[in-house]
Amino acid sequence: MSAFPGGVYSPRTKENKPGVAYEPAKTTIGFAEDINKLDDEVVAIETELNGALTREYADNAAAKTGGLVNGQLYRTGDILKIVHS
């Protein structure tokens, strides 16, 4: 099976420069809040992938019986799969 990092990415804290107010409508300026949201998405994806590597089921039916719902990831041997209807 492919090697995957044992730990989840831990982004450093980012802050706006003093006096800079976050305005989501301004898309040409980089704000710390925007970068932090991306970091949160990376952590969520890595957490789901790490979970999928530890959830092993024989097939889709077994994954559903095991409590997984549509869209969640699991594996069968070295094959990564998605629970479906």
Protein backbone atom coordinates (compact mmCIF):
# COMPACT_ATOMS: atom_id res chain seq x y z
CA MET A 1 0.00 0.00 0.00
CA SER A 2 1.16 3.54 -0.65
CA ALA A 3 2.78 5.42 2.19
CA PHE A 4 0.70 8.25 3.61
CA PRO A 5 1.80 10.71 6.29
CA GLY A 6 1.01 9.49 9.75
CA GLY A 7 0.11 12.94 10.99
CA VAL A 8 -2.26 15.53 9.68
CA TYR A 9 -0.88 18.78 8.28
CA SER A 10 -0.68 21.46 10.97
CA PRO A 11 -0.66 24.91 9.38
CA ARG A 12 0.94 27.77 11.19
CA THR A 13 -1.25 30.61 12.42
CA LYS A 14 -1.47 33.49 9.97
CA GLU A 15 -2.58 37.00 10.83
CA ASN A 16 -3.31 40.16 8.90
CA LYS A 17 -0.96 43.10 9.29
CA PRO A 18 -1.99 45.44 12.11
CA GLY A 19 -4.72 47.83 10.97
CA VAL A 20 -5.89 45.64 8.08
CA ALA A 21 -9.60 44.81 8.27
CA TYR A 22 -10.89 41.66 6.57
CA GLU A 23 -13.26 42.47 3.70
CA PRO A 24 -14.34 39.29 1.84
CA ALA A 25 -15.54 41.32 -1.17
CA LYS A 26 -11.99 42.49 -1.90
CA THR A 27 -10.68 39.61 -3.99
CA THR A 28 -7.42 41.23 -5.11
CA ILE A 29 -5.99 41.45 -1.60
CA GLY A 30 -4.70 38.40 0.25
CA PHE A 31 -6.12 38.14 3.76
CA ALA A 32 -5.04 35.71 6.47
CA GLU A 33 -8.65 34.58 6.87
CA ASP A 34 -8.75 33.35 3.27
CA ILE A 35 -5.54 31.36 3.68
CA ASN A 36 -6.70 29.90 7.00
CA LYS A 37 -9.90 28.65 5.32
CA LEU A 38 -7.77 26.85 2.72
CA ASP A 39 -5.62 25.36 5.48
CA ASP A 40 -8.80 24.08 7.18
CA GLU A 41 -9.84 22.38 3.93
CA VAL A 42 -6.44 20.70 3.60
CA VAL A 43 -6.68 19.41 7.16
CA ALA A 44 -10.23 18.10 6.55
CA ILE A 45 -9.15 16.28 3.37
CA GLU A 46 -6.08 14.76 5.03
CA THR A 47 -8.16 13.69 8.03
CA GLU A 48 -10.68 11.95 5.75
CA LEU A 49 -7.91 10.24 3.79
CA ASN A 50 -6.18 9.08 6.97
CA GLY A 51 -9.50 7.69 8.17
CA ALA A 52 -10.06 5.92 4.87
CA LEU A 53 -6.73 4.15 5.20
CA THR A 54 -7.75 2.67 8.53
CA ARG A 55 -11.29 1.70 7.40
CA GLU A 56 -11.06 -1.55 5.52
CA TYR A 57 -14.17 -3.34 4.27
CA ALA A 58 -14.70 -6.19 1.81
CA ASP A 59 -17.18 -4.22 -0.30
CA ASN A 60 -19.72 -1.38 -0.40
CA ALA A 61 -22.36 -3.35 1.53
CA ALA A 62 -19.91 -4.16 4.32
CA ALA A 63 -18.88 -0.51 4.54
CA LYS A 64 -22.53 0.56 4.92
CA THR A 65 -23.11 -2.14 7.53
CA GLY A 66 -20.03 -0.77 9.30
CA GLY A 67 -21.72 2.64 9.59
CA LEU A 68 -20.27 4.53 6.64
CA VAL A 69 -22.55 6.72 4.53
CA ASN A 70 -22.54 7.69 0.84
CA GLY A 71 -19.49 9.72 -0.09
CA GLN A 72 -17.21 8.42 2.66
CA LEU A 73 -13.96 6.71 1.75
CA TYR A 74 -12.78 3.24 2.71
CA ARG A 75 -10.39 0.71 1.29
CA THR A 76 -10.36 -2.89 0.16
CA GLY A 77 -6.76 -4.02 0.28
CA ASP A 78 -4.80 -1.40 -1.67
CA ILE A 79 -7.84 0.01 -3.49
CA LEU A 80 -9.42 3.24 -2.22
CA LYS A 81 -13.21 3.23 -2.66
CA ILE A 82 -16.19 5.52 -2.08
CA VAL A 83 -19.42 4.41 -0.42
CA HIS A 84 -22.34 4.69 -2.87
CA SER A 85 -26.03 3.80 -3.23
